[in-house]
Protein backbone atom coordinates (compact mmCIF):
# COMPACT_ATOMS: atom_id res chain seq x y z
CA MET A 1 -46.51 49.21 -2.29
CA PHE A 2 -43.59 47.76 -0.29
CA SER A 3 -45.85 46.80 2.60
CA ARG A 4 -47.99 44.71 0.26
CA LEU A 5 -44.87 43.20 -1.33
CA TYR A 6 -43.35 42.37 2.08
CA LYS A 7 -46.56 40.67 3.18
CA SER A 8 -46.19 38.20 0.35
CA SER A 9 -45.02 34.87 1.65
CA ARG A 10 -42.67 34.39 -1.32
CA VAL A 11 -40.76 37.55 -0.54
CA ARG A 12 -40.49 36.70 3.16
CA TRP A 13 -39.39 33.19 2.33
CA SER A 14 -36.81 34.47 -0.17
CA LEU A 15 -35.52 37.04 2.28
CA GLY A 16 -35.26 34.42 5.02
CA VAL A 17 -33.34 32.02 2.75
CA PHE A 18 -31.04 34.85 1.65
CA LEU A 19 -30.26 35.90 5.23
CA PHE A 20 -29.72 32.27 6.26
CA GLY A 21 -27.28 31.87 3.34
CA VAL A 22 -25.37 34.99 4.37
CA LEU A 23 -25.17 33.74 7.96
CA LEU A 24 -24.04 30.28 6.88
CA THR A 25 -21.43 31.75 4.54
CA SER A 26 -20.07 34.00 7.29
CA LEU A 27 -19.77 31.12 9.75
CA THR A 28 -18.09 28.90 7.15
CA MET A 29 -15.60 31.65 6.26
CA ARG A 30 -14.72 32.16 9.91
CA HIS A 31 -14.21 28.43 10.43
CA LEU A 32 -12.03 28.10 7.32
CA THR A 33 -9.94 31.14 8.29
CA GLU A 34 -9.25 29.72 11.74
CA ARG A 35 -8.41 26.31 10.31
CA ASN A 36 -6.03 27.83 7.75
CA GLU A 37 -4.30 29.85 10.46
CA ARG A 38 -3.81 26.70 12.55
CA GLN A 39 -2.37 24.85 9.56
CA VAL A 40 0.03 27.69 8.77
CA GLN A 41 1.15 27.86 12.42
CA THR A 42 1.71 24.09 12.50
CA ALA A 43 3.72 24.18 9.28
CA LEU A 44 5.85 27.08 10.52
CA ASN A 45 6.53 25.33 13.82
CA ALA A 46 7.55 22.15 11.98
CA ALA A 47 9.86 24.10 9.67
CA ALA A 48 11.44 25.95 12.60
CA THR A 49 12.03 22.68 14.43
CA ASP A 50 13.58 21.15 11.34
CA VAL A 51 15.91 24.11 10.82
CA ARG A 52 16.91 24.06 14.49
CA GLU A 53 17.75 20.35 14.29
CA GLN A 54 19.80 20.84 11.11
CA ILE A 55 21.78 23.69 12.64
CA THR A 56 22.40 21.69 15.82
CA GLU A 57 23.63 18.71 13.79
CA ARG A 58 25.94 20.84 11.66
CA LEU A 59 27.43 22.50 14.73
CA ARG A 60 27.92 19.08 16.34
CA VAL A 61 29.80 17.84 13.25
CA TYR A 62 31.88 21.03 13.22
CA GLU A 63 32.68 20.59 16.93
CA TYR A 64 33.79 16.97 16.40
CA SER A 65 35.92 18.03 13.44
CA LEU A 66 37.66 20.71 15.48
CA SER A 67 38.19 18.30 18.35
CA GLY A 68 39.66 15.69 15.99
CA GLY A 69 41.93 18.23 14.36
CA ARG A 70 43.17 19.40 17.73
CA ASP A 71 43.88 15.79 18.74
CA VAL A 72 45.86 15.23 15.53
CA ILE A 73 47.97 18.30 16.27
CA VAL A 74 48.56 17.21 19.86
CA VAL A 75 49.58 13.68 18.83
CA ALA A 76 51.78 14.92 16.00
CA GLY A 77 53.46 17.41 18.30
CA GLU A 78 54.31 15.03 21.16
CA GLY A 79 57.99 15.05 21.82
CA CYS A 80 58.53 17.91 19.45
CA ARG A 81 61.06 20.36 20.76
CA GLY A 82 62.48 23.53 19.32
CA ASN A 83 62.02 23.91 15.56
CA CYS A 84 60.30 20.56 15.15
CA TRP A 85 56.87 22.10 14.38
CA SER A 86 58.00 23.54 11.08
CA THR A 87 58.98 20.11 9.73
CA THR A 88 56.41 17.87 11.42
CA VAL A 89 53.16 19.78 11.28
CA VAL A 90 53.68 22.29 8.50
CA PRO A 91 56.37 21.05 6.11
CA THR A 92 58.07 23.80 4.16
CA THR A 93 58.73 23.33 0.50
């Protein structure tokens, strides 16, 4: 019975179209998966670069602030001898 059914051109044609559809679907899925992985990798790299730049900028600002604070202390302390620091730099109340 199956041999007669398989010999029918409609069944062969239907089976061929079905198998072609499965093959096309598999190839499309593979292509989309690879493309999605590339997009995710690109987005992660961009986010990592952005975070790195933000951290670098914040550390640079912190470094300049510390340097400026040190310079203020050095300038305020010039010529200060003995107990001068307690009244010039840190006034007591």
